[in-house]
C-alpha atoms as a PDB file:
ATOM      1  CA  MET A   1       7.634 -25.131  31.540  1.00  0.00           C
ATOM      2  CA  GLY A   2      10.289 -22.530  32.221  1.00  0.00           C
ATOM      3  CA  LEU A   3      11.353 -21.926  28.611  1.00  0.00           C
ATOM      4  CA  ASP A   4      13.393 -25.111  28.555  1.00  0.00           C
ATOM      5  CA  GLY A   5      12.381 -25.820  24.990  1.00  0.00           C
ATOM      6  CA  GLY A   6       9.985 -28.586  25.908  1.00  0.00           C
ATOM      7  CA  THR A   7       6.788 -26.651  25.336  1.00  0.00           C
ATOM      8  CA  ILE A   8       5.405 -25.168  22.131  1.00  0.00           C
ATOM      9  CA  ILE A   9       3.127 -22.209  22.749  1.00  0.00           C
ATOM     10  CA  SER A  10      -0.084 -22.606  20.803  1.00  0.00           C
ATOM     11  CA  ARG A  11      -2.685 -20.655  22.769  1.00  0.00           C
ATOM     12  CA  SER A  12      -3.872 -17.814  20.569  1.00  0.00           C
ATOM     13  CA  ASP A  13      -4.382 -15.466  23.504  1.00  0.00           C
ATOM     14  CA  ILE A  14      -0.672 -15.415  24.300  1.00  0.00           C
ATOM     15  CA  LEU A  15       0.705 -15.330  20.789  1.00  0.00           C
ATOM     16  CA  ARG A  16       2.076 -11.889  20.046  1.00  0.00           C
ATOM     17  CA  GLY A  17      -0.010  -9.790  17.707  1.00  0.00           C
ATOM     18  CA  GLN A  18      -3.256 -11.745  18.017  1.00  0.00           C
ATOM     19  CA  SER A  19      -6.406  -9.703  18.334  1.00  0.00           C
ATOM     20  CA  TRP A  20      -9.043  -9.947  21.043  1.00  0.00           C
ATOM     21  CA  ASP A  21     -11.481 -11.627  18.692  1.00  0.00           C
ATOM     22  CA  VAL A  22      -9.036 -14.378  17.763  1.00  0.00           C
ATOM     23  CA  ALA A  23      -8.011 -14.902  21.380  1.00  0.00           C
ATOM     24  CA  ASN A  24     -11.616 -14.978  22.539  1.00  0.00           C
ATOM     25  CA  ALA A  25     -12.697 -17.533  19.947  1.00  0.00           C
ATOM     26  CA  ASP A  26     -12.685 -20.271  22.602  1.00  0.00           C
ATOM     27  CA  GLY A  27     -16.014 -19.037  23.920  1.00  0.00           C
ATOM     28  CA  GLY A  28     -14.581 -17.376  27.011  1.00  0.00           C
ATOM     29  CA  ALA A  29     -12.821 -20.428  28.418  1.00  0.00           C
ATOM     30  CA  SER A  30      -9.559 -18.540  28.641  1.00  0.00           C
ATOM     31  CA  THR A  31      -8.847 -16.433  31.712  1.00  0.00           C
ATOM     32  CA  SER A  32      -5.656 -14.833  30.461  1.00  0.00           C
ATOM     33  CA  SER A  33      -5.353 -11.060  30.736  1.00  0.00           C
ATOM     34  CA  ARG A  34      -3.002 -10.925  27.746  1.00  0.00           C
ATOM     35  CA  GLY A  35      -5.706 -10.725  25.135  1.00  0.00           C
ATOM     36  CA  GLY A  36      -8.307 -13.336  25.988  1.00  0.00           C
ATOM     37  CA  GLN A  37     -11.222 -13.284  28.413  1.00  0.00           C
ATOM     38  CA  LEU A  38     -10.253 -10.929  31.251  1.00  0.00           C
ATOM     39  CA  SER A  39     -12.942 -12.189  33.589  1.00  0.00           C
ATOM     40  CA  ALA A  40     -16.514 -13.352  33.525  1.00  0.00           C
ATOM     41  CA  GLY A  41     -17.766  -9.940  34.609  1.00  0.00           C
ATOM     42  CA  LYS A  42     -15.853  -7.827  32.103  1.00  0.00           C
ATOM     43  CA  VAL A  43     -17.109  -6.912  28.653  1.00  0.00           C
ATOM     44  CA  HIS A  44     -14.983  -6.181  25.621  1.00  0.00           C
ATOM     45  CA  THR A  45     -15.456  -2.525  24.694  1.00  0.00           C
ATOM     46  CA  GLY A  46     -14.205  -2.861  21.126  1.00  0.00           C
ATOM     47  CA  ARG A  47     -10.978  -2.074  19.355  1.00  0.00           C
ATOM     48  CA  ARG A  48      -9.155   1.169  19.904  1.00  0.00           C
ATOM     49  CA  ARG A  49     -10.123   3.682  17.262  1.00  0.00           C
ATOM     50  CA  VAL A  50      -7.227   4.827  15.125  1.00  0.00           C
ATOM     51  CA  ASP A  51      -6.923   8.543  14.534  1.00  0.00           C
ATOM     52  CA  PRO A  52      -7.820   9.219  10.853  1.00  0.00           C
ATOM     53  CA  ALA A  53      -4.875  11.603  10.598  1.00  0.00           C
ATOM     54  CA  GLU A  54      -2.518   8.841  11.733  1.00  0.00           C
ATOM     55  CA  ARG A  55      -4.070   6.449   9.225  1.00  0.00           C
ATOM     56  CA  ARG A  56      -3.447   8.904   6.405  1.00  0.00           C
ATOM     57  CA  ARG A  57       0.147   9.472   7.450  1.00  0.00           C
ATOM     58  CA  ALA A  58       0.750   5.736   7.804  1.00  0.00           C
ATOM     59  CA  ARG A  59      -0.483   5.065   4.288  1.00  0.00           C
ATOM     60  CA  TRP A  60       1.895   7.649   2.896  1.00  0.00           C
ATOM     61  CA  SER A  61       4.931   6.575   4.904  1.00  0.00           C
ATOM     62  CA  HIS A  62       4.758   2.775   5.111  1.00  0.00           C
ATOM     63  CA  CYS A  63       4.584  -0.096   2.645  1.00  0.00           C
ATOM     64  CA  ALA A  64       0.999  -1.369   2.455  1.00  0.00           C
ATOM     65  CA  LEU A  65       2.254  -4.961   2.299  1.00  0.00           C
ATOM     66  CA  SER A  66       5.212  -5.264   4.678  1.00  0.00           C
ATOM     67  CA  GLY A  67       4.473  -2.324   6.988  1.00  0.00           C
ATOM     68  CA  GLU A  68       8.071  -1.125   6.681  1.00  0.00           C
ATOM     69  CA  PRO A  69       8.884   2.537   5.955  1.00  0.00           C
ATOM     70  CA  LEU A  70       8.669   3.350   2.266  1.00  0.00           C
ATOM     71  CA  ARG A  71      12.008   3.533   0.504  1.00  0.00           C
ATOM     72  CA  GLU A  72      13.104   3.714  -3.106  1.00  0.00           C
ATOM     73  CA  PRO A  73      12.204   2.055  -5.386  1.00  0.00           C
ATOM     74  CA  ILE A  74       8.491   2.546  -4.624  1.00  0.00           C
ATOM     75  CA  VAL A  75       5.648   1.090  -6.685  1.00  0.00           C
ATOM     76  CA  CYS A  76       1.876   1.548  -6.837  1.00  0.00           C
ATOM     77  CA  CYS A  77      -0.897  -0.925  -7.630  1.00  0.00           C
ATOM     78  CA  GLY A  78      -4.147  -0.333  -9.479  1.00  0.00           C
ATOM     79  CA  LEU A  79      -5.906   0.412  -6.186  1.00  0.00           C
ATOM     80  CA  GLY A  80      -3.553   3.281  -5.431  1.00  0.00           C
ATOM     81  CA  ARG A  81      -1.619   1.615  -2.610  1.00  0.00           C
ATOM     82  CA  LEU A  82       2.099   2.220  -2.170  1.00  0.00           C
ATOM     83  CA  TYR A  83       4.626  -0.560  -1.661  1.00  0.00           C
ATOM     84  CA  ASN A  84       8.327  -1.145  -1.443  1.00  0.00           C
ATOM     85  CA  ARG A  85       9.147  -2.739  -4.781  1.00  0.00           C
ATOM     86  CA  GLU A  86      11.153  -5.575  -3.249  1.00  0.00           C
ATOM     87  CA  ALA A  87       8.281  -6.607  -0.964  1.00  0.00           C
ATOM     88  CA  LEU A  88       5.731  -6.637  -3.780  1.00  0.00           C
ATOM     89  CA  ILE A  89       7.996  -8.567  -6.148  1.00  0.00           C
ATOM     90  CA  GLU A  90       8.484 -11.216  -3.458  1.00  0.00           C
ATOM     91  CA  HIS A  91       4.699 -11.359  -3.093  1.00  0.00           C
ATOM     92  CA  ALA A  92       4.172 -11.732  -6.859  1.00  0.00           C
ATOM     93  CA  LEU A  93       6.789 -14.498  -7.001  1.00  0.00           C
ATOM     94  CA  ALA A  94       5.141 -16.233  -4.052  1.00  0.00           C
ATOM     95  CA  ASN A  95       1.826 -16.130  -5.918  1.00  0.00           C
ATOM     96  CA  ALA A  96       3.586 -18.038  -8.701  1.00  0.00           C
ATOM     97  CA  GLY A  97       4.954 -20.576  -6.213  1.00  0.00           C
ATOM     98  CA  THR A  98       8.493 -19.199  -5.973  1.00  0.00           C
ATOM     99  CA  PHE A  99       9.767 -18.157  -2.542  1.00  0.00           C
ATOM    100  CA  VAL A 100      13.028 -16.239  -2.280  1.00  0.00           C
ATOM    101  CA  SER A 101      13.573 -17.068   1.391  1.00  0.00           C
ATOM    102  CA  GLU A 102      12.080 -18.883   4.353  1.00  0.00           C
ATOM    103  CA  THR A 103      10.972 -15.547   5.770  1.00  0.00           C
ATOM    104  CA  SER A 104       9.042 -14.701   2.612  1.00  0.00           C
ATOM    105  CA  THR A 105       7.362 -18.111   2.787  1.00  0.00           C
ATOM    106  CA  TYR A 106       6.051 -17.457   6.299  1.00  0.00           C
ATOM    107  CA  ALA A 107       5.077 -13.880   5.436  1.00  0.00           C
ATOM    108  CA  TYR A 108       3.083 -15.048   2.424  1.00  0.00           C
ATOM    109  CA  ALA A 109       1.355 -17.732   4.494  1.00  0.00           C
ATOM    110  CA  ASN A 110       0.401 -15.180   7.142  1.00  0.00           C
ATOM    111  CA  ARG A 111      -1.059 -12.831   4.544  1.00  0.00           C
ATOM    112  CA  THR A 112      -2.951 -15.646   2.860  1.00  0.00           C
ATOM    113  CA  ASN A 113      -4.431 -16.798   6.165  1.00  0.00           C
ATOM    114  CA  ALA A 114      -5.326 -13.289   7.338  1.00  0.00           C
ATOM    115  CA  THR A 115      -8.704 -13.381   9.067  1.00  0.00           C
ATOM    116  CA  GLU A 116      -9.391  -9.662   9.061  1.00  0.00           C
ATOM    117  CA  GLY A 117      -9.098  -7.301   6.096  1.00  0.00           C
ATOM    118  CA  GLY A 118      -7.742 -10.084   3.903  1.00  0.00           C
ATOM    119  CA  ASN A 119      -4.545  -9.798   1.928  1.00  0.00           C
ATOM    120  CA  VAL A 120      -4.043  -6.169   0.895  1.00  0.00           C
ATOM    121  CA  ALA A 121      -2.150  -7.332  -2.195  1.00  0.00           C
ATOM    122  CA  SER A 122      -4.382 -10.238  -3.221  1.00  0.00           C
ATOM    123  CA  HIS A 123      -5.121  -8.423  -6.487  1.00  0.00           C
ATOM    124  CA  VAL A 124      -1.412  -8.325  -7.390  1.00  0.00           C
ATOM    125  CA  ARG A 125      -0.625 -11.499  -9.287  1.00  0.00           C
ATOM    126  CA  SER A 126       2.189 -10.474 -11.624  1.00  0.00           C
ATOM    127  CA  LEU A 127       4.603  -7.660 -12.424  1.00  0.00           C
ATOM    128  CA  ARG A 128       1.984  -6.149 -14.735  1.00  0.00           C
ATOM    129  CA  ASP A 129      -0.248  -5.347 -11.764  1.00  0.00           C
ATOM    130  CA  PHE A 130       1.933  -2.518 -10.436  1.00  0.00           C
ATOM    131  CA  PHE A 131       4.097   0.291 -11.767  1.00  0.00           C
ATOM    132  CA  PRO A 132       6.970   2.437 -10.443  1.00  0.00           C
ATOM    133  CA  VAL A 133       6.171   5.841  -8.962  1.00  0.00           C
ATOM    134  CA  HIS A 134       8.274   8.882  -8.156  1.00  0.00           C
ATOM    135  CA  LEU A 135       7.524  10.828  -4.972  1.00  0.00           C
ATOM    136  CA  ARG A 136       9.109  14.091  -3.922  1.00  0.00           C
ATOM    137  CA  ALA A 137      10.572  13.812  -0.429  1.00  0.00           C
ATOM    138  CA  VAL A 138      10.182  16.636   2.088  1.00  0.00           C
ATOM    139  CA  ASP A 139      13.529  17.852   3.504  1.00  0.00           C
ATOM    140  CA  GLY A 140      15.208  14.578   2.758  1.00  0.00           C
ATOM    141  CA  GLY A 141      11.991  12.685   3.353  1.00  0.00           C
ATOM    142  CA  ARG A 142      12.568  11.722   6.989  1.00  0.00           C
ATOM    143  CA  ARG A 143      10.267  12.778   9.816  1.00  0.00           C
ATOM    144  CA  GLY A 144      12.051  13.871  12.973  1.00  0.00           C
ATOM    145  CA  ASP A 145      15.453  14.512  11.390  1.00  0.00           C
ATOM    146  CA  ARG A 146      17.201  17.477  13.043  1.00  0.00           C
ATOM    147  CA  SER A 147      19.876  19.535  11.380  1.00  0.00           C
ATOM    148  CA  GLY A 148      22.959  20.032  13.521  1.00  0.00           C
ATOM    149  CA  GLU A 149      22.637  16.697  15.323  1.00  0.00           C
ATOM    150  CA  GLY A 150      25.522  14.370  14.659  1.00  0.00           C
ATOM    151  CA  SER A 151      25.654  10.639  14.703  1.00  0.00           C
ATOM    152  CA  HIS A 152      25.469  10.732  18.501  1.00  0.00           C
ATOM    153  CA  GLY A 153      22.264  12.809  18.613  1.00  0.00           C
ATOM    154  CA  ARG A 154      18.748  11.489  18.806  1.00  0.00           C
ATOM    155  CA  ALA A 155      18.417  11.521  15.026  1.00  0.00           C
ATOM    156  CA  GLY A 156      21.712   9.703  14.667  1.00  0.00           C
ATOM    157  CA  LYS A 157      20.585   6.966  17.022  1.00  0.00           C
ATOM    158  CA  ARG A 158      17.518   6.265  14.924  1.00  0.00           C
ATOM    159  CA  SER A 159      18.123   3.539  12.389  1.00  0.00           C
ATOM    160  CA  ARG A 160      17.327   4.159   8.754  1.00  0.00           C
ATOM    161  CA  GLU A 161      14.589   1.544   8.865  1.00  0.00           C
ATOM    162  CA  GLU A 162      12.812   3.379  11.685  1.00  0.00           C
ATOM    163  CA  ALA A 163      12.900   6.768   9.952  1.00  0.00           C
ATOM    164  CA  THR A 164       9.544   7.772   8.519  1.00  0.00           C
ATOM    165  CA  PRO A 165       9.463   9.340   5.057  1.00  0.00           C
ATOM    166  CA  GLU A 166       7.327  12.336   4.145  1.00  0.00           C
ATOM    167  CA  PHE A 167       6.373  13.375   0.633  1.00  0.00           C
ATOM    168  CA  GLU A 168       4.848  16.402  -1.066  1.00  0.00           C
ATOM    169  CA  CYS A 169       3.422  17.523  -4.393  1.00  0.00           C
ATOM    170  CA  PRO A 170       6.377  18.703  -6.527  1.00  0.00           C
ATOM    171  CA  VAL A 171       4.177  21.390  -8.108  1.00  0.00           C
ATOM    172  CA  TRP A 172       2.253  22.976  -5.220  1.00  0.00           C
ATOM    173  CA  GLY A 173       4.267  21.748  -2.233  1.00  0.00           C
ATOM    174  CA  VAL A 174       1.212  20.226  -0.540  1.00  0.00           C
ATOM    175  CA  ARG A 175       2.218  17.450   1.858  1.00  0.00           C
ATOM    176  CA  CYS A 176       0.862  14.008   1.145  1.00  0.00           C
ATOM    177  CA  GLY A 177      -1.373  12.621   3.880  1.00  0.00           C
ATOM    178  CA  GLU A 178      -2.057  15.892   5.681  1.00  0.00           C
ATOM    179  CA  ALA A 179      -5.623  16.872   6.498  1.00  0.00           C
ATOM    180  CA  GLY A 180      -7.074  19.142   3.842  1.00  0.00           C
ATOM    181  CA  ALA A 181      -4.347  18.298   1.334  1.00  0.00           C
ATOM    182  CA  GLY A 182      -6.876  16.804  -1.071  1.00  0.00           C
ATOM    183  CA  GLU A 183      -6.392  13.930  -3.481  1.00  0.00           C
ATOM    184  CA  PHE A 184      -3.119  12.856  -5.073  1.00  0.00           C
ATOM    185  CA  VAL A 185      -2.669  10.981  -8.335  1.00  0.00           C
ATOM    186  CA  ALA A 186       0.068   8.940  -9.956  1.00  0.00           C
ATOM    187  CA  ILE A 187       0.427   9.999 -13.572  1.00  0.00           C
ATOM    188  CA  ARG A 188       1.069   7.247 -16.046  1.00  0.00           C
ATOM    189  CA  PRO A 189       3.257   6.388 -17.859  1.00  0.00           C
ATOM    190  CA  CYS A 190       5.893   8.499 -16.062  1.00  0.00           C
ATOM    191  CA  GLY A 191       4.762   7.636 -12.511  1.00  0.00           C
ATOM    192  CA  HIS A 192       5.115  11.095 -10.949  1.00  0.00           C
ATOM    193  CA  VAL A 193       2.821  11.587  -7.950  1.00  0.00           C
ATOM    194  CA  VAL A 194       1.248  15.049  -7.851  1.00  0.00           C
ATOM    195  CA  SER A 195      -1.765  16.656  -6.230  1.00  0.00           C
ATOM    196  CA  ASP A 196      -5.045  16.330  -8.086  1.00  0.00           C
ATOM    197  CA  ARG A 197      -5.018  20.109  -8.370  1.00  0.00           C
ATOM    198  CA  ALA A 198      -1.780  19.941 -10.372  1.00  0.00           C
ATOM    199  CA  ARG A 199      -3.311  17.323 -12.666  1.00  0.00           C
ATOM    200  CA  ARG A 200      -6.418  19.438 -13.239  1.00  0.00           C
ATOM    201  CA  ASP A 201      -4.253  22.461 -14.001  1.00  0.00           C
ATOM    202  CA  ALA A 202      -2.356  20.444 -16.610  1.00  0.00           C
ATOM    203  CA  GLU A 203      -5.607  19.309 -18.197  1.00  0.00           C
ATOM    204  CA  ALA A 204      -6.990  22.857 -18.182  1.00  0.00           C
ATOM    205  CA  THR A 205      -3.850  24.095 -19.925  1.00  0.00           C
ATOM    206  CA  ALA A 206      -4.289  21.418 -22.591  1.00  0.00           C
ATOM    207  CA  VAL A 207      -7.932  22.386 -23.129  1.00  0.00           C
ATOM    208  CA  GLU A 208      -7.042  26.073 -23.450  1.00  0.00           C
ATOM    209  CA  GLY A 209      -4.454  25.112 -26.029  1.00  0.00           C
ATOM    210  CA  ARG A 210      -6.978  22.883 -27.791  1.00  0.00           C
ATOM    211  CA  GLY A 211      -4.948  19.897 -26.709  1.00  0.00           C
ATOM    212  CA  GLU A 212      -8.092  17.794 -26.268  1.00  0.00           C
ATOM    213  CA  SER A 213      -9.397  18.589 -29.752  1.00  0.00           C
ATOM    214  CA  PRO A 214      -9.055  16.059 -32.602  1.00  0.00           C
ATOM    215  CA  GLY A 215      -5.462  15.968 -33.756  1.00  0.00           C
ATOM    216  CA  GLY A 216      -4.332  18.025 -30.760  1.00  0.00           C
ATOM    217  CA  GLU A 217      -2.003  17.123 -27.934  1.00  0.00           C
ATOM    218  CA  SER A 218      -2.867  15.396 -24.669  1.00  0.00           C
ATOM    219  CA  PRO A 219      -2.096  17.014 -21.302  1.00  0.00           C
ATOM    220  CA  HIS A 220       1.527  16.973 -20.195  1.00  0.00           C
ATOM    221  CA  CYS A 221       2.891  15.882 -16.824  1.00  0.00           C
ATOM    222  CA  PRO A 222       3.684  19.063 -14.858  1.00  0.00           C
ATOM    223  CA  VAL A 223       6.943  17.490 -13.648  1.00  0.00           C
ATOM    224  CA  CYS A 224       8.540  15.848 -16.690  1.00  0.00           C
ATOM    225  CA  ASP A 225       6.304  17.088 -19.555  1.00  0.00           C
ATOM    226  CA  VAL A 226       5.397  13.546 -20.653  1.00  0.00           C
ATOM    227  CA  ARG A 227       1.963  13.278 -22.256  1.00  0.00           C
ATOM    228  CA  PHE A 228      -0.728  11.474 -20.282  1.00  0.00           C
ATOM    229  CA  HIS A 229      -4.425  10.685 -20.387  1.00  0.00           C
ATOM    230  CA  ARG A 230      -6.842  11.147 -17.507  1.00  0.00           C
ATOM    231  CA  ASP A 231      -7.889   7.483 -17.624  1.00  0.00           C
ATOM    232  CA  GLY A 232      -4.275   6.482 -17.021  1.00  0.00           C
ATOM    233  CA  CYS A 233      -4.022   8.370 -13.720  1.00  0.00           C
ATOM    234  CA  VAL A 234      -4.409   6.416 -10.477  1.00  0.00           C
ATOM    235  CA  HIS A 235      -5.585   8.099  -7.276  1.00  0.00           C
ATOM    236  CA  VAL A 236      -3.073   7.279  -4.530  1.00  0.00           C
ATOM    237  CA  ASN A 237      -4.164   6.455  -0.966  1.00  0.00           C
ATOM    238  CA  SER A 238      -7.604   7.937  -1.446  1.00  0.00           C
ATOM    239  CA  PHE A 239     -10.155   7.757   1.381  1.00  0.00           C
ATOM    240  CA  ASP A 240     -12.989   8.638  -1.008  1.00  0.00           C
ATOM    241  CA  VAL A 241     -15.303   5.617  -1.190  1.00  0.00           C
ATOM    242  CA  SER A 242     -16.465   6.379  -4.732  1.00  0.00           C
ATOM    243  CA  ILE A 243     -12.873   6.637  -5.970  1.00  0.00           C
ATOM    244  CA  GLY A 244     -11.989   3.357  -4.259  1.00  0.00           C
ATOM    245  CA  GLU A 245     -14.946   1.626  -5.886  1.00  0.00           C
ATOM    246  CA  ARG A 246     -13.986   2.982  -9.290  1.00  0.00           C
ATOM    247  CA  LEU A 247     -10.404   1.770  -8.914  1.00  0.00           C
ATOM    248  CA  ARG A 248     -11.597  -1.647  -7.750  1.00  0.00           C
ATOM    249  CA  THR A 249     -13.951  -1.918 -10.743  1.00  0.00           C
ATOM    250  CA  ALA A 250     -11.102  -1.071 -13.123  1.00  0.00           C
ATOM    251  CA  VAL A 251      -8.801  -3.651 -11.493  1.00  0.00           C
ATOM    252  CA  ASP A 252     -11.491  -6.347 -11.644  1.00  0.00           C
ATOM    253  CA  ALA A 253     -12.218  -5.532 -15.300  1.00  0.00           C
ATOM    254  CA  ARG A 254      -8.513  -5.782 -16.160  1.00  0.00           C
ATOM    255  CA  ARG A 255      -8.228  -9.095 -14.356  1.00  0.00           C
ATOM    256  CA  ALA A 256     -11.316 -10.478 -16.122  1.00  0.00           C
ATOM    257  CA  ALA A 257      -9.892  -9.429 -19.499  1.00  0.00           C
ATOM    258  CA  GLU A 258      -6.545 -11.082 -18.703  1.00  0.00           C
ATOM    259  CA  ASP A 259      -8.261 -14.280 -17.580  1.00  0.00           C
ATOM    260  CA  ASP A 260     -10.321 -14.285 -20.780  1.00  0.00           C
ATOM    261  CA  ARG A 261      -7.217 -13.869 -22.964  1.00  0.00           C
ATOM    262  CA  ARG A 262      -5.423 -16.595 -21.039  1.00  0.00           C
ATOM    263  CA  HIS A 263      -8.390 -18.936 -21.468  1.00  0.00           C
ATOM    264  CA  ARG A 264      -8.562 -18.300 -25.220  1.00  0.00           C
ATOM    265  CA  ARG A 265      -4.824 -18.930 -25.634  1.00  0.00           C
ATOM    266  CA  ARG A 266      -5.145 -22.180 -23.729  1.00  0.00           C
ATOM    267  CA  THR A 267      -8.106 -23.208 -25.868  1.00  0.00           C
ATOM    268  CA  ARG A 268      -6.220 -22.496 -29.106  1.00  0.00           C
ATOM    269  CA  LYS A 269      -3.253 -24.553 -27.910  1.00  0.00           C
ATOM    270  CA  GLU A 270      -5.490 -27.478 -27.019  1.00  0.00           C
ATOM    271  CA  ARG A 271      -7.187 -27.353 -30.410  1.00  0.00           C
ATOM    272  CA  GLY A 272      -3.824 -27.285 -32.145  1.00  0.00           C
ATOM    273  CA  LYS A 273      -2.699 -30.534 -30.536  1.00  0.00           C
END
């Protein structure tokens, strides 16, 4: 003992980041106060509840896979989760058995062996499972930045990785993740993220102009004027259970169709031999 390199720590209750439930899986034999059984007379009162407002802000400011602050280029999956493109590409490559670094190997193993919540990107298997999105940053997109503070001020001391981005609807100026802001959608194929109100306004304009009638035009993105269809829009970071279920159903249906096509191609190749 004494950190001389002769001991490998393996007790789950002293490994950093382990939850109470993992640390207490030994049936209460542990007496450590670092996460295991505190004492025979104490009872675990449950996990600390996370403020819903903080959860919303975290989803809109951090990569759902790596937990790092979102930074360009940003991508979105079929479930409406936001990721740093580099992190998700490394994950997709790891799914195919290719690891870009030793760090990515360990990160992929940790996500695969996750005991709670599973792997948030388990549905992402290839580059076709996500698409690029464009978010409008608020005042440079960094929370806590102060104008007038130089590199020696508090803002200057904060590293770029620690800065937290903030985004807003480019049409109505509603901030993403704020209480009462409503739903946001990523319009495909352009990838602009706008409030659901902006999308509905675009669709209403198309209907008034008979854009939905046979031979007419589809709605146009309110940011870049690219045509889109309602079915191609993905709700981003929605807390609505029904929307989440609908997105999950669509992702599962797409995966089933891809698996079916892959199976038929394999069958045709085998018959051709």
